[in-house]
C-alpha atoms as a PDB file:
ATOM      1  CA  MET A   1      54.137-306.156 -82.282  1.00  0.00           C
ATOM      2  CA  LEU A   2      50.553-307.143 -83.096  1.00  0.00           C
ATOM      3  CA  SER A   3      50.156-309.052 -86.345  1.00  0.00           C
ATOM      4  CA  PHE A   4      47.381-311.435 -87.400  1.00  0.00           C
ATOM      5  CA  VAL A   5      45.017-312.661 -90.125  1.00  0.00           C
ATOM      6  CA  HIS A   6      41.322-313.075 -89.391  1.00  0.00           C
ATOM      7  CA  GLU A   7      38.648-314.650 -91.597  1.00  0.00           C
ATOM      8  CA  GLY A   8      35.085-314.182 -90.417  1.00  0.00           C
ATOM      9  CA  SER A   9      32.431-316.828 -91.059  1.00  0.00           C
ATOM     10  CA  PRO A  10      29.373-315.520 -92.960  1.00  0.00           C
ATOM     11  CA  VAL A  11      26.913-317.597 -90.926  1.00  0.00           C
ATOM     12  CA  ARG A  12      23.481-316.335 -89.925  1.00  0.00           C
ATOM     13  CA  VAL A  13      22.914-317.221 -86.242  1.00  0.00           C
ATOM     14  CA  VAL A  14      19.437-317.423 -84.727  1.00  0.00           C
ATOM     15  CA  PHE A  15      19.749-318.010 -80.971  1.00  0.00           C
ATOM     16  CA  GLY A  16      17.206-318.523 -78.221  1.00  0.00           C
ATOM     17  CA  ALA A  17      14.716-320.878 -76.599  1.00  0.00           C
ATOM     18  CA  GLY A  18      11.984-321.912 -79.024  1.00  0.00           C
ATOM     19  CA  ARG A  19      13.794-320.534 -82.064  1.00  0.00           C
ATOM     20  CA  ARG A  20      13.458-323.840 -83.946  1.00  0.00           C
ATOM     21  CA  GLN A  21       9.914-322.710 -84.682  1.00  0.00           C
ATOM     22  CA  GLN A  22      11.439-320.202 -87.114  1.00  0.00           C
ATOM     23  CA  LEU A  23      12.825-322.954 -89.338  1.00  0.00           C
ATOM     24  CA  PRO A  24      10.171-322.439 -92.061  1.00  0.00           C
ATOM     25  CA  ASP A  25      11.124-318.765 -92.305  1.00  0.00           C
ATOM     26  CA  GLU A  26      14.814-319.606 -92.577  1.00  0.00           C
ATOM     27  CA  VAL A  27      14.175-322.283 -95.231  1.00  0.00           C
ATOM     28  CA  GLU A  28      12.102-319.832 -97.236  1.00  0.00           C
ATOM     29  CA  ARG A  29      14.752-317.138 -96.804  1.00  0.00           C
ATOM     30  CA  LEU A  30      17.306-319.403 -98.526  1.00  0.00           C
ATOM     31  CA  GLY A  31      14.871-320.337-101.265  1.00  0.00           C
ATOM     32  CA  ILE A  32      14.909-324.042-100.381  1.00  0.00           C
ATOM     33  CA  GLU A  33      11.972-325.883-101.949  1.00  0.00           C
ATOM     34  CA  ARG A  34      12.926-329.529-101.257  1.00  0.00           C
ATOM     35  CA  ALA A  35      14.772-329.901 -97.955  1.00  0.00           C
ATOM     36  CA  LEU A  36      16.349-333.167 -96.840  1.00  0.00           C
ATOM     37  CA  LEU A  37      16.266-333.409 -93.050  1.00  0.00           C
ATOM     38  CA  ILE A  38      19.285-335.263 -91.668  1.00  0.00           C
ATOM     39  CA  THR A  39      19.293-336.734 -88.162  1.00  0.00           C
ATOM     40  CA  THR A  40      19.913-339.788 -86.006  1.00  0.00           C
ATOM     41  CA  PRO A  41      17.405-342.613 -85.471  1.00  0.00           C
ATOM     42  CA  SER A  42      16.824-341.425 -81.899  1.00  0.00           C
ATOM     43  CA  GLN A  43      15.877-337.910 -83.069  1.00  0.00           C
ATOM     44  CA  ARG A  44      13.704-338.923 -85.994  1.00  0.00           C
ATOM     45  CA  ALA A  45      10.492-337.921 -84.205  1.00  0.00           C
ATOM     46  CA  GLU A  46      11.754-334.363 -83.732  1.00  0.00           C
ATOM     47  CA  ALA A  47      12.924-334.272 -87.360  1.00  0.00           C
ATOM     48  CA  GLU A  48       9.506-335.426 -88.540  1.00  0.00           C
ATOM     49  CA  ALA A  49       7.879-332.710 -86.446  1.00  0.00           C
ATOM     50  CA  LEU A  50      10.110-330.149 -88.165  1.00  0.00           C
ATOM     51  CA  ALA A  51       9.288-331.673 -91.545  1.00  0.00           C
ATOM     52  CA  GLU A  52       5.580-331.343 -90.790  1.00  0.00           C
ATOM     53  CA  ARG A  53       6.119-327.691 -89.934  1.00  0.00           C
ATOM     54  CA  LEU A  54       7.938-327.199 -93.254  1.00  0.00           C
ATOM     55  CA  GLY A  55       5.071-328.747 -95.171  1.00  0.00           C
ATOM     56  CA  SER A  56       5.688-328.988 -98.906  1.00  0.00           C
ATOM     57  CA  ARG A  57       9.237-327.665 -98.477  1.00  0.00           C
ATOM     58  CA  ALA A  58      10.277-330.920 -96.736  1.00  0.00           C
ATOM     59  CA  ALA A  59      11.219-333.651 -99.214  1.00  0.00           C
ATOM     60  CA  GLY A  60      12.308-336.376 -96.782  1.00  0.00           C
ATOM     61  CA  VAL A  61      14.083-337.465 -93.602  1.00  0.00           C
ATOM     62  CA  PHE A  62      17.388-339.364 -93.626  1.00  0.00           C
ATOM     63  CA  ASP A  63      18.126-340.831 -90.185  1.00  0.00           C
ATOM     64  CA  ARG A  64      21.171-343.026 -90.809  1.00  0.00           C
ATOM     65  CA  VAL A  65      23.667-340.718 -89.108  1.00  0.00           C
ATOM     66  CA  VAL A  66      26.614-342.603 -87.567  1.00  0.00           C
ATOM     67  CA  MET A  67      29.401-341.294 -85.345  1.00  0.00           C
ATOM     68  CA  HIS A  68      32.584-340.171 -87.168  1.00  0.00           C
ATOM     69  CA  VAL A  69      30.725-340.067 -90.550  1.00  0.00           C
ATOM     70  CA  PRO A  70      31.812-343.280 -92.291  1.00  0.00           C
ATOM     71  CA  ILE A  71      32.249-342.786 -96.032  1.00  0.00           C
ATOM     72  CA  GLU A  72      29.576-345.432 -96.701  1.00  0.00           C
ATOM     73  CA  VAL A  73      26.982-343.362 -94.832  1.00  0.00           C
ATOM     74  CA  ALA A  74      28.076-340.213 -96.660  1.00  0.00           C
ATOM     75  CA  LYS A  75      27.567-341.969 -99.996  1.00  0.00           C
ATOM     76  CA  ALA A  76      24.127-343.198 -98.920  1.00  0.00           C
ATOM     77  CA  GLY A  77      23.126-339.687 -97.853  1.00  0.00           C
ATOM     78  CA  ARG A  78      24.269-338.236-101.160  1.00  0.00           C
ATOM     79  CA  ALA A  79      22.310-340.889-103.048  1.00  0.00           C
ATOM     80  CA  GLU A  80      19.163-340.104-101.056  1.00  0.00           C
ATOM     81  CA  ALA A  81      19.560-336.363-101.671  1.00  0.00           C
ATOM     82  CA  LYS A  82      19.839-337.036-105.396  1.00  0.00           C
ATOM     83  CA  ARG A  83      16.875-339.421-105.360  1.00  0.00           C
ATOM     84  CA  ILE A  84      14.502-336.910-103.802  1.00  0.00           C
ATOM     85  CA  ARG A  85      16.015-334.003-105.771  1.00  0.00           C
ATOM     86  CA  ALA A  86      16.877-332.087-102.593  1.00  0.00           C
ATOM     87  CA  ASP A  87      17.965-328.474-102.984  1.00  0.00           C
ATOM     88  CA  GLY A  88      18.974-327.964 -99.346  1.00  0.00           C
ATOM     89  CA  CYS A  89      19.848-329.819 -96.131  1.00  0.00           C
ATOM     90  CA  VAL A  90      18.494-329.320 -92.621  1.00  0.00           C
ATOM     91  CA  ALA A  91      20.771-331.012 -90.074  1.00  0.00           C
ATOM     92  CA  LEU A  92      19.247-331.804 -86.679  1.00  0.00           C
ATOM     93  CA  GLY A  93      21.745-333.288 -84.246  1.00  0.00           C
ATOM     94  CA  GLY A  94      25.341-333.071 -83.122  1.00  0.00           C
ATOM     95  CA  GLY A  95      28.611-333.048 -85.029  1.00  0.00           C
ATOM     96  CA  SER A  96      27.909-336.320 -86.836  1.00  0.00           C
ATOM     97  CA  ALA A  97      24.577-335.132 -88.288  1.00  0.00           C
ATOM     98  CA  ILE A  98      26.052-331.807 -89.290  1.00  0.00           C
ATOM     99  CA  GLY A  99      29.120-333.569 -90.683  1.00  0.00           C
ATOM    100  CA  LEU A 100      26.940-335.761 -92.871  1.00  0.00           C
ATOM    101  CA  ALA A 101      25.093-332.687 -94.143  1.00  0.00           C
ATOM    102  CA  LYS A 102      28.469-331.201 -95.041  1.00  0.00           C
ATOM    103  CA  ALA A 103      29.461-334.344 -96.935  1.00  0.00           C
ATOM    104  CA  ILE A 104      26.253-334.104 -98.945  1.00  0.00           C
ATOM    105  CA  ALA A 105      26.463-330.356 -99.481  1.00  0.00           C
ATOM    106  CA  LEU A 106      30.044-330.516-100.707  1.00  0.00           C
ATOM    107  CA  GLU A 107      29.260-332.922-103.531  1.00  0.00           C
ATOM    108  CA  LEU A 108      25.851-331.547-104.486  1.00  0.00           C
ATOM    109  CA  ASP A 109      26.458-327.841-103.710  1.00  0.00           C
ATOM    110  CA  LEU A 110      23.463-327.503-101.361  1.00  0.00           C
ATOM    111  CA  PRO A 111      22.893-324.921 -98.603  1.00  0.00           C
ATOM    112  CA  ILE A 112      22.782-326.198 -95.010  1.00  0.00           C
ATOM    113  CA  ILE A 113      20.651-325.085 -92.091  1.00  0.00           C
ATOM    114  CA  ALA A 114      21.935-326.574 -88.826  1.00  0.00           C
ATOM    115  CA  LEU A 115      19.982-327.109 -85.612  1.00  0.00           C
ATOM    116  CA  PRO A 116      22.547-328.354 -83.057  1.00  0.00           C
ATOM    117  CA  THR A 117      21.275-330.645 -80.319  1.00  0.00           C
ATOM    118  CA  THR A 118      24.692-330.972 -78.627  1.00  0.00           C
ATOM    119  CA  TYR A 119      27.577-328.602 -77.969  1.00  0.00           C
ATOM    120  CA  SER A 120      29.774-329.795 -80.854  1.00  0.00           C
ATOM    121  CA  GLY A 121      30.506-326.453 -82.563  1.00  0.00           C
ATOM    122  CA  SER A 122      30.814-328.070 -85.985  1.00  0.00           C
ATOM    123  CA  GLU A 123      27.920-325.959 -87.220  1.00  0.00           C
ATOM    124  CA  MET A 124      30.103-322.820 -87.271  1.00  0.00           C
ATOM    125  CA  THR A 125      32.870-324.218 -89.440  1.00  0.00           C
ATOM    126  CA  ALA A 126      33.630-325.390 -92.949  1.00  0.00           C
ATOM    127  CA  ILE A 127      35.562-328.335 -91.475  1.00  0.00           C
ATOM    128  CA  GLN A 128      34.413-331.908 -91.875  1.00  0.00           C
ATOM    129  CA  GLY A 129      35.767-335.289 -90.827  1.00  0.00           C
ATOM    130  CA  LEU A 130      35.170-338.454 -92.855  1.00  0.00           C
ATOM    131  CA  THR A 131      36.200-341.958 -91.820  1.00  0.00           C
ATOM    132  CA  GLU A 132      37.363-344.416 -94.465  1.00  0.00           C
ATOM    133  CA  ASN A 133      39.231-347.687 -93.957  1.00  0.00           C
ATOM    134  CA  GLY A 134      39.592-346.966 -90.243  1.00  0.00           C
ATOM    135  CA  ILE A 135      41.226-343.555 -90.753  1.00  0.00           C
ATOM    136  CA  LYS A 136      39.454-340.279 -90.010  1.00  0.00           C
ATOM    137  CA  ARG A 137      40.610-337.357 -92.141  1.00  0.00           C
ATOM    138  CA  THR A 138      39.502-333.755 -91.998  1.00  0.00           C
ATOM    139  CA  PHE A 139      38.717-331.464 -94.898  1.00  0.00           C
ATOM    140  CA  ARG A 140      38.008-327.751 -95.177  1.00  0.00           C
ATOM    141  CA  ASP A 141      35.902-326.218 -97.922  1.00  0.00           C
ATOM    142  CA  PRO A 142      33.750-323.061 -97.779  1.00  0.00           C
ATOM    143  CA  ARG A 143      30.902-324.895 -99.521  1.00  0.00           C
ATOM    144  CA  MET A 144      30.424-326.962 -96.332  1.00  0.00           C
ATOM    145  CA  LEU A 145      29.802-323.954 -94.093  1.00  0.00           C
ATOM    146  CA  PRO A 146      26.158-323.875 -92.951  1.00  0.00           C
ATOM    147  CA  ARG A 147      24.331-320.821 -94.186  1.00  0.00           C
ATOM    148  CA  THR A 148      22.155-320.580 -91.068  1.00  0.00           C
ATOM    149  CA  VAL A 149      22.464-322.008 -87.557  1.00  0.00           C
ATOM    150  CA  ILE A 150      19.448-322.122 -85.259  1.00  0.00           C
ATOM    151  CA  TYR A 151      20.557-322.509 -81.640  1.00  0.00           C
ATOM    152  CA  ASP A 152      17.573-323.578 -79.559  1.00  0.00           C
ATOM    153  CA  PRO A 153      18.545-324.661 -76.020  1.00  0.00           C
ATOM    154  CA  GLU A 154      15.227-326.487 -75.720  1.00  0.00           C
ATOM    155  CA  LEU A 155      16.788-329.075 -78.046  1.00  0.00           C
ATOM    156  CA  THR A 156      19.609-329.724 -75.551  1.00  0.00           C
ATOM    157  CA  VAL A 157      17.726-330.075 -72.251  1.00  0.00           C
ATOM    158  CA  THR A 158      16.866-333.678 -73.092  1.00  0.00           C
ATOM    159  CA  LEU A 159      20.539-334.645 -73.386  1.00  0.00           C
ATOM    160  CA  PRO A 160      21.484-337.265 -70.776  1.00  0.00           C
ATOM    161  CA  PRO A 161      24.101-335.874 -68.375  1.00  0.00           C
ATOM    162  CA  SER A 162      26.543-338.547 -69.555  1.00  0.00           C
ATOM    163  CA  VAL A 163      26.313-337.034 -73.046  1.00  0.00           C
ATOM    164  CA  ALA A 164      25.906-333.356 -72.198  1.00  0.00           C
ATOM    165  CA  GLY A 165      29.038-333.068 -70.056  1.00  0.00           C
ATOM    166  CA  PRO A 166      31.511-334.598 -72.533  1.00  0.00           C
ATOM    167  CA  SER A 167      29.826-332.743 -75.413  1.00  0.00           C
ATOM    168  CA  GLY A 168      30.515-329.507 -73.549  1.00  0.00           C
ATOM    169  CA  MET A 169      34.142-330.539 -73.067  1.00  0.00           C
ATOM    170  CA  ASN A 170      34.341-331.027 -76.843  1.00  0.00           C
ATOM    171  CA  ALA A 171      33.296-327.384 -77.217  1.00  0.00           C
ATOM    172  CA  MET A 172      35.841-326.484 -74.543  1.00  0.00           C
ATOM    173  CA  ALA A 173      38.568-328.091 -76.683  1.00  0.00           C
ATOM    174  CA  HIS A 174      37.744-325.729 -79.545  1.00  0.00           C
ATOM    175  CA  CYS A 175      38.253-322.788 -77.214  1.00  0.00           C
ATOM    176  CA  VAL A 176      41.472-324.112 -75.704  1.00  0.00           C
ATOM    177  CA  GLU A 177      43.196-324.813 -79.024  1.00  0.00           C
ATOM    178  CA  ALA A 178      42.199-321.398 -80.367  1.00  0.00           C
ATOM    179  CA  LEU A 179      44.224-319.754 -77.600  1.00  0.00           C
ATOM    180  CA  TYR A 180      47.539-321.290 -78.607  1.00  0.00           C
ATOM    181  CA  ILE A 181      47.281-322.096 -82.309  1.00  0.00           C
ATOM    182  CA  ALA A 182      49.373-319.818 -84.548  1.00  0.00           C
ATOM    183  CA  SER A 183      46.452-318.972 -86.835  1.00  0.00           C
ATOM    184  CA  THR A 184      44.334-317.448 -84.073  1.00  0.00           C
ATOM    185  CA  SER A 185      43.354-313.775 -84.040  1.00  0.00           C
ATOM    186  CA  PRO A 186      42.392-311.347 -81.269  1.00  0.00           C
ATOM    187  CA  LEU A 187      38.707-311.928 -82.033  1.00  0.00           C
ATOM    188  CA  THR A 188      38.865-315.733 -81.931  1.00  0.00           C
ATOM    189  CA  ALA A 189      40.989-315.576 -78.778  1.00  0.00           C
ATOM    190  CA  LEU A 190      38.418-313.354 -77.060  1.00  0.00           C
ATOM    191  CA  ALA A 191      35.633-315.720 -78.116  1.00  0.00           C
ATOM    192  CA  ALA A 192      37.661-318.663 -76.872  1.00  0.00           C
ATOM    193  CA  GLU A 193      38.268-317.237 -73.412  1.00  0.00           C
ATOM    194  CA  ALA A 194      34.625-316.202 -73.025  1.00  0.00           C
ATOM    195  CA  GLY A 195      33.558-319.650 -74.215  1.00  0.00           C
ATOM    196  CA  ILE A 196      35.704-321.375 -71.591  1.00  0.00           C
ATOM    197  CA  GLN A 197      34.148-319.191 -68.888  1.00  0.00           C
ATOM    198  CA  ALA A 198      30.586-319.881 -70.025  1.00  0.00           C
ATOM    199  CA  LEU A 199      31.140-323.631 -70.315  1.00  0.00           C
ATOM    200  CA  ALA A 200      33.045-323.961 -67.033  1.00  0.00           C
ATOM    201  CA  ARG A 201      30.214-322.238 -65.159  1.00  0.00           C
ATOM    202  CA  SER A 202      27.295-323.943 -66.874  1.00  0.00           C
ATOM    203  CA  LEU A 203      28.343-327.556 -67.440  1.00  0.00           C
ATOM    204  CA  PRO A 204      28.276-328.653 -63.777  1.00  0.00           C
ATOM    205  CA  VAL A 205      24.724-327.264 -63.550  1.00  0.00           C
ATOM    206  CA  VAL A 206      23.683-328.855 -66.857  1.00  0.00           C
ATOM    207  CA  VAL A 207      24.822-332.238 -65.529  1.00  0.00           C
ATOM    208  CA  ALA A 208      23.270-331.819 -62.065  1.00  0.00           C
ATOM    209  CA  GLU A 209      20.019-330.253 -63.309  1.00  0.00           C
ATOM    210  CA  PRO A 210      19.355-331.450 -66.882  1.00  0.00           C
ATOM    211  CA  ALA A 211      16.060-329.545 -67.124  1.00  0.00           C
ATOM    212  CA  ASN A 212      17.672-326.216 -66.170  1.00  0.00           C
ATOM    213  CA  LEU A 213      17.017-324.210 -69.340  1.00  0.00           C
ATOM    214  CA  GLU A 214      19.161-321.249 -68.292  1.00  0.00           C
ATOM    215  CA  ALA A 215      22.190-323.495 -67.731  1.00  0.00           C
ATOM    216  CA  SER A 216      21.607-325.176 -71.093  1.00  0.00           C
ATOM    217  CA  THR A 217      21.330-321.757 -72.714  1.00  0.00           C
ATOM    218  CA  GLN A 218      24.666-320.671 -71.244  1.00  0.00           C
ATOM    219  CA  ALA A 219      26.332-323.931 -72.297  1.00  0.00           C
ATOM    220  CA  LEU A 220      24.980-323.538 -75.834  1.00  0.00           C
ATOM    221  CA  TYR A 221      26.230-319.948 -75.849  1.00  0.00           C
ATOM    222  CA  GLY A 222      29.665-321.240 -74.841  1.00  0.00           C
ATOM    223  CA  ALA A 223      29.480-323.840 -77.607  1.00  0.00           C
ATOM    224  CA  TRP A 224      28.678-321.118 -80.146  1.00  0.00           C
ATOM    225  CA  LEU A 225      31.718-319.177 -78.982  1.00  0.00           C
ATOM    226  CA  GLY A 226      33.703-322.398 -79.288  1.00  0.00           C
ATOM    227  CA  GLY A 227      32.469-322.724 -82.857  1.00  0.00           C
ATOM    228  CA  ILE A 228      33.719-319.213 -83.611  1.00  0.00           C
ATOM    229  CA  ALA A 229      37.049-320.088 -81.996  1.00  0.00           C
ATOM    230  CA  LEU A 230      37.242-323.285 -84.040  1.00  0.00           C
ATOM    231  CA  THR A 231      37.453-321.234 -87.233  1.00  0.00           C
ATOM    232  CA  ALA A 232      41.069-320.464 -86.239  1.00  0.00           C
ATOM    233  CA  GLY A 233      41.982-324.091 -86.915  1.00  0.00           C
ATOM    234  CA  ILE A 234      42.866-327.242 -85.007  1.00  0.00           C
ATOM    235  CA  ALA A 235      46.075-328.699 -83.621  1.00  0.00           C
ATOM    236  CA  LEU A 236      47.449-331.770 -81.837  1.00  0.00           C
ATOM    237  CA  HIS A 237      44.466-332.253 -79.565  1.00  0.00           C
ATOM    238  CA  HIS A 238      42.069-332.742 -82.465  1.00  0.00           C
ATOM    239  CA  LYS A 239      44.521-334.924 -84.355  1.00  0.00           C
ATOM    240  CA  ILE A 240      44.717-337.324 -81.411  1.00  0.00           C
ATOM    241  CA  CYS A 241      40.942-337.323 -80.928  1.00  0.00           C
ATOM    242  CA  HIS A 242      40.311-337.923 -84.630  1.00  0.00           C
ATOM    243  CA  THR A 243      42.780-340.803 -84.507  1.00  0.00           C
ATOM    244  CA  LEU A 244      41.174-342.407 -81.471  1.00  0.00           C
ATOM    245  CA  GLY A 245      37.691-341.953 -82.853  1.00  0.00           C
ATOM    246  CA  GLY A 246      38.276-342.931 -86.457  1.00  0.00           C
ATOM    247  CA  SER A 247      40.708-345.814 -85.902  1.00  0.00           C
ATOM    248  CA  PHE A 248      39.568-347.179 -82.535  1.00  0.00           C
ATOM    249  CA  ASP A 249      35.887-346.163 -82.597  1.00  0.00           C
ATOM    250  CA  LEU A 250      36.041-344.310 -79.281  1.00  0.00           C
ATOM    251  CA  PRO A 251      33.089-342.012 -78.495  1.00  0.00           C
ATOM    252  CA  HIS A 252      33.665-338.438 -79.631  1.00  0.00           C
ATOM    253  CA  GLY A 253      32.813-336.311 -76.588  1.00  0.00           C
ATOM    254  CA  PRO A 254      34.378-338.591 -73.963  1.00  0.00           C
ATOM    255  CA  THR A 255      37.583-338.807 -76.018  1.00  0.00           C
ATOM    256  CA  HIS A 256      37.878-335.015 -76.103  1.00  0.00           C
ATOM    257  CA  THR A 257      37.208-334.918 -72.366  1.00  0.00           C
ATOM    258  CA  VAL A 258      39.989-337.388 -71.536  1.00  0.00           C
ATOM    259  CA  ILE A 259      42.609-335.997 -73.923  1.00  0.00           C
ATOM    260  CA  LEU A 260      42.105-332.243 -73.390  1.00  0.00           C
ATOM    261  CA  PRO A 261      43.996-331.823 -70.081  1.00  0.00           C
ATOM    262  CA  HIS A 262      46.956-333.772 -71.486  1.00  0.00           C
ATOM    263  CA  SER A 263      47.129-332.061 -74.873  1.00  0.00           C
ATOM    264  CA  THR A 264      46.936-328.708 -73.073  1.00  0.00           C
ATOM    265  CA  SER A 265      49.754-329.794 -70.764  1.00  0.00           C
ATOM    266  CA  TYR A 266      51.831-330.926 -73.777  1.00  0.00           C
ATOM    267  CA  ASN A 267      51.669-327.428 -75.258  1.00  0.00           C
ATOM    268  CA  ALA A 268      51.851-325.468 -71.993  1.00  0.00           C
ATOM    269  CA  VAL A 269      55.637-325.251 -71.988  1.00  0.00           C
ATOM    270  CA  VAL A 270      55.672-323.341 -75.300  1.00  0.00           C
ATOM    271  CA  ALA A 271      52.412-321.413 -74.806  1.00  0.00           C
ATOM    272  CA  PRO A 272      52.547-319.948 -71.273  1.00  0.00           C
ATOM    273  CA  GLU A 273      50.322-316.949 -72.036  1.00  0.00           C
ATOM    274  CA  ALA A 274      47.599-319.105 -73.553  1.00  0.00           C
ATOM    275  CA  THR A 275      47.823-321.550 -70.657  1.00  0.00           C
ATOM    276  CA  ALA A 276      47.455-318.669 -68.188  1.00  0.00           C
ATOM    277  CA  ARG A 277      44.365-317.427 -70.028  1.00  0.00           C
ATOM    278  CA  ILE A 278      42.863-320.919 -69.879  1.00  0.00           C
ATOM    279  CA  ALA A 279      43.492-321.071 -66.120  1.00  0.00           C
ATOM    280  CA  ARG A 280      41.982-317.617 -65.626  1.00  0.00           C
ATOM    281  CA  ALA A 281      38.851-318.512 -67.598  1.00  0.00           C
ATOM    282  CA  LEU A 282      38.469-321.696 -65.554  1.00  0.00           C
ATOM    283  CA  SER A 283      39.135-319.863 -62.266  1.00  0.00           C
ATOM    284  CA  ALA A 284      41.805-322.513 -61.666  1.00  0.00           C
ATOM    285  CA  GLU A 285      45.425-322.442 -60.535  1.00  0.00           C
ATOM    286  CA  ASP A 286      46.620-324.022 -63.777  1.00  0.00           C
ATOM    287  CA  GLY A 287      44.957-324.745 -67.101  1.00  0.00           C
ATOM    288  CA  PRO A 288      45.602-328.470 -67.587  1.00  0.00           C
ATOM    289  CA  GLY A 289      44.750-329.322 -63.995  1.00  0.00           C
ATOM    290  CA  GLY A 290      41.655-327.136 -64.123  1.00  0.00           C
ATOM    291  CA  LEU A 291      40.386-328.997 -67.188  1.00  0.00           C
ATOM    292  CA  PHE A 292      41.035-332.343 -65.480  1.00  0.00           C
ATOM    293  CA  ASP A 293      39.190-331.201 -62.358  1.00  0.00           C
ATOM    294  CA  LEU A 294      36.229-329.878 -64.379  1.00  0.00           C
ATOM    295  CA  ALA A 295      35.873-333.275 -66.054  1.00  0.00           C
ATOM    296  CA  GLY A 296      35.703-334.779 -62.576  1.00  0.00           C
ATOM    297  CA  ARG A 297      33.059-332.299 -61.429  1.00  0.00           C
ATOM    298  CA  ILE A 298      30.784-333.249 -64.302  1.00  0.00           C
ATOM    299  CA  GLY A 299      31.241-336.952 -63.605  1.00  0.00           C
ATOM    300  CA  ALA A 300      32.965-337.699 -66.903  1.00  0.00           C
ATOM    301  CA  ALA A 301      35.487-340.456 -67.517  1.00  0.00           C
ATOM    302  CA  ARG A 302      39.070-339.206 -67.258  1.00  0.00           C
ATOM    303  CA  ALA A 303      40.971-342.258 -68.526  1.00  0.00           C
ATOM    304  CA  LEU A 304      41.125-343.811 -71.984  1.00  0.00           C
ATOM    305  CA  ARG A 305      40.908-347.280 -70.430  1.00  0.00           C
ATOM    306  CA  ASP A 306      37.450-346.339 -69.155  1.00  0.00           C
ATOM    307  CA  ILE A 307      36.055-345.438 -72.593  1.00  0.00           C
ATOM    308  CA  GLY A 308      37.163-348.486 -74.551  1.00  0.00           C
ATOM    309  CA  LEU A 309      40.852-348.186 -75.481  1.00  0.00           C
ATOM    310  CA  LYS A 310      43.157-351.111 -74.767  1.00  0.00           C
ATOM    311  CA  GLU A 311      46.668-350.566 -73.439  1.00  0.00           C
ATOM    312  CA  SER A 312      47.959-352.624 -76.348  1.00  0.00           C
ATOM    313  CA  ASP A 313      46.510-349.965 -78.703  1.00  0.00           C
ATOM    314  CA  LEU A 314      48.704-347.141 -77.395  1.00  0.00           C
ATOM    315  CA  ASP A 315      51.697-347.709 -79.668  1.00  0.00           C
ATOM    316  CA  ARG A 316      49.595-347.804 -82.829  1.00  0.00           C
ATOM    317  CA  ALA A 317      47.571-344.797 -81.676  1.00  0.00           C
ATOM    318  CA  ALA A 318      50.777-342.804 -81.183  1.00  0.00           C
ATOM    319  CA  GLU A 319      52.057-343.761 -84.617  1.00  0.00           C
ATOM    320  CA  LEU A 320      48.798-342.795 -86.322  1.00  0.00           C
ATOM    321  CA  ALA A 321      48.561-339.528 -84.391  1.00  0.00           C
ATOM    322  CA  VAL A 322      51.974-338.310 -85.558  1.00  0.00           C
ATOM    323  CA  ALA A 323      51.309-339.224 -89.194  1.00  0.00           C
ATOM    324  CA  GLU A 324      50.156-336.240 -91.270  1.00  0.00           C
ATOM    325  CA  PRO A 325      50.254-333.966 -88.186  1.00  0.00           C
ATOM    326  CA  TYR A 326      48.171-330.827 -87.786  1.00  0.00           C
ATOM    327  CA  PRO A 327      50.024-327.542 -87.089  1.00  0.00           C
ATOM    328  CA  ASN A 328      50.920-327.338 -83.409  1.00  0.00           C
ATOM    329  CA  PRO A 329      52.919-324.856 -81.292  1.00  0.00           C
ATOM    330  CA  ARG A 330      55.155-327.555 -79.817  1.00  0.00           C
ATOM    331  CA  PRO A 331      56.914-329.982 -82.195  1.00  0.00           C
ATOM    332  CA  ILE A 332      55.074-333.289 -82.364  1.00  0.00           C
ATOM    333  CA  THR A 333      57.176-336.359 -81.641  1.00  0.00           C
ATOM    334  CA  ARG A 334      56.216-339.988 -81.439  1.00  0.00           C
ATOM    335  CA  ASP A 335      57.687-340.338 -77.942  1.00  0.00           C
ATOM    336  CA  GLY A 336      55.972-337.195 -76.726  1.00  0.00           C
ATOM    337  CA  VAL A 337      52.571-338.290 -78.001  1.00  0.00           C
ATOM    338  CA  ARG A 338      53.110-341.795 -76.646  1.00  0.00           C
ATOM    339  CA  ALA A 339      53.787-340.367 -73.190  1.00  0.00           C
ATOM    340  CA  LEU A 340      50.713-338.126 -73.473  1.00  0.00           C
ATOM    341  CA  LEU A 341      48.553-341.110 -74.375  1.00  0.00           C
ATOM    342  CA  ASP A 342      49.967-343.154 -71.510  1.00  0.00           C
ATOM    343  CA  ASP A 343      48.999-340.437 -69.022  1.00  0.00           C
ATOM    344  CA  ALA A 344      45.560-340.203 -70.602  1.00  0.00           C
ATOM    345  CA  PHE A 345      45.117-343.973 -70.606  1.00  0.00           C
ATOM    346  CA  HIS A 346      45.747-344.206 -66.862  1.00  0.00           C
ATOM    347  CA  GLY A 347      43.856-341.005 -66.025  1.00  0.00           C
ATOM    348  CA  ARG A 348      46.762-339.236 -64.345  1.00  0.00           C
ATOM    349  CA  ARG A 349      46.257-335.616 -63.340  1.00  0.00           C
ATOM    350  CA  PRO A 350      48.599-333.386 -65.405  1.00  0.00           C
ATOM    351  CA  MET A 351      51.450-331.742 -63.555  1.00  0.00           C
ATOM    352  CA  PRO A 352      51.228-327.929 -63.293  1.00  0.00           C
ATOM    353  CA  PRO A 353      53.154-326.163 -66.085  1.00  0.00           C
ATOM    354  CA  PRO A 354      56.640-324.908 -65.130  1.00  0.00           C
ATOM    355  CA  THR A 355      56.806-321.335 -63.875  1.00  0.00           C
ATOM    356  CA  PRO A 356      58.152-319.041 -66.625  1.00  0.00           C
END
């Protein structure tokens, strides 16, 4: 019998090519008078162009964004926001830039406008990850939810294929986990399945033809759907990726890409319906194998050894991943996670799930 709880995210979404030009209207709509623009060093020029468009409503640019949001960077961002008396944040970038804006907004109670330049999906959630003393922990607080998200695919066409593909697989992970996590709802599940379809179709084109605006638009659409799906929560897959990123400094998107087929396989035995929906959305015979094959089609690394993890790190990674576990449909055991990591380290293709 159908039974669920659904919480919608009150986020204003502005989607379409060239929509970043509407930033001044969106800043004015929120009553922001002194916006702090947050970005990476490589995107500072674009941030400064946005600041120029904002005119007197732009109070400064902070470009010290670092992957996995170290607590030291969060503190520096908060100090800068206080120094310039910011009353709002504009985050230009991927999950790390948006995560830093969330860290600032949480402490100073500031509204956020997000302009994603990758397919991270973080912009649609009130979830944030901070890294301190080599451990990445996640937090959820409604004050960190961006008030407005401007999705402009023109901001993603300059992504190198080596970044765009794994970033899209990160968005894919949000969709996949939403199909088997207990806190999902019919709406998030529908968004998740549609997101998988959009990403599976568009990512190979995005990688092969980086300037293809229509493919980038479809991938960004899939990422938005992944962001909606992410509101259902996160499970083992994200716990492992947060562990590998925060404690071993592995790159975010490639880590998601490598782990996703194996975390999906781990849960397939207890979530056959979700696994079948994943396979259907991928147009694949089985979900885990389809995810592994998609990673190959976009030229992404499919082994942890190829993105910087040492085999001697596997035991510690398994121990950290099972500490303070996230809710997951299949019980999380140290041996089970260790075996998952071993398969991911060597880049083995997951075995098809058993027939129900």
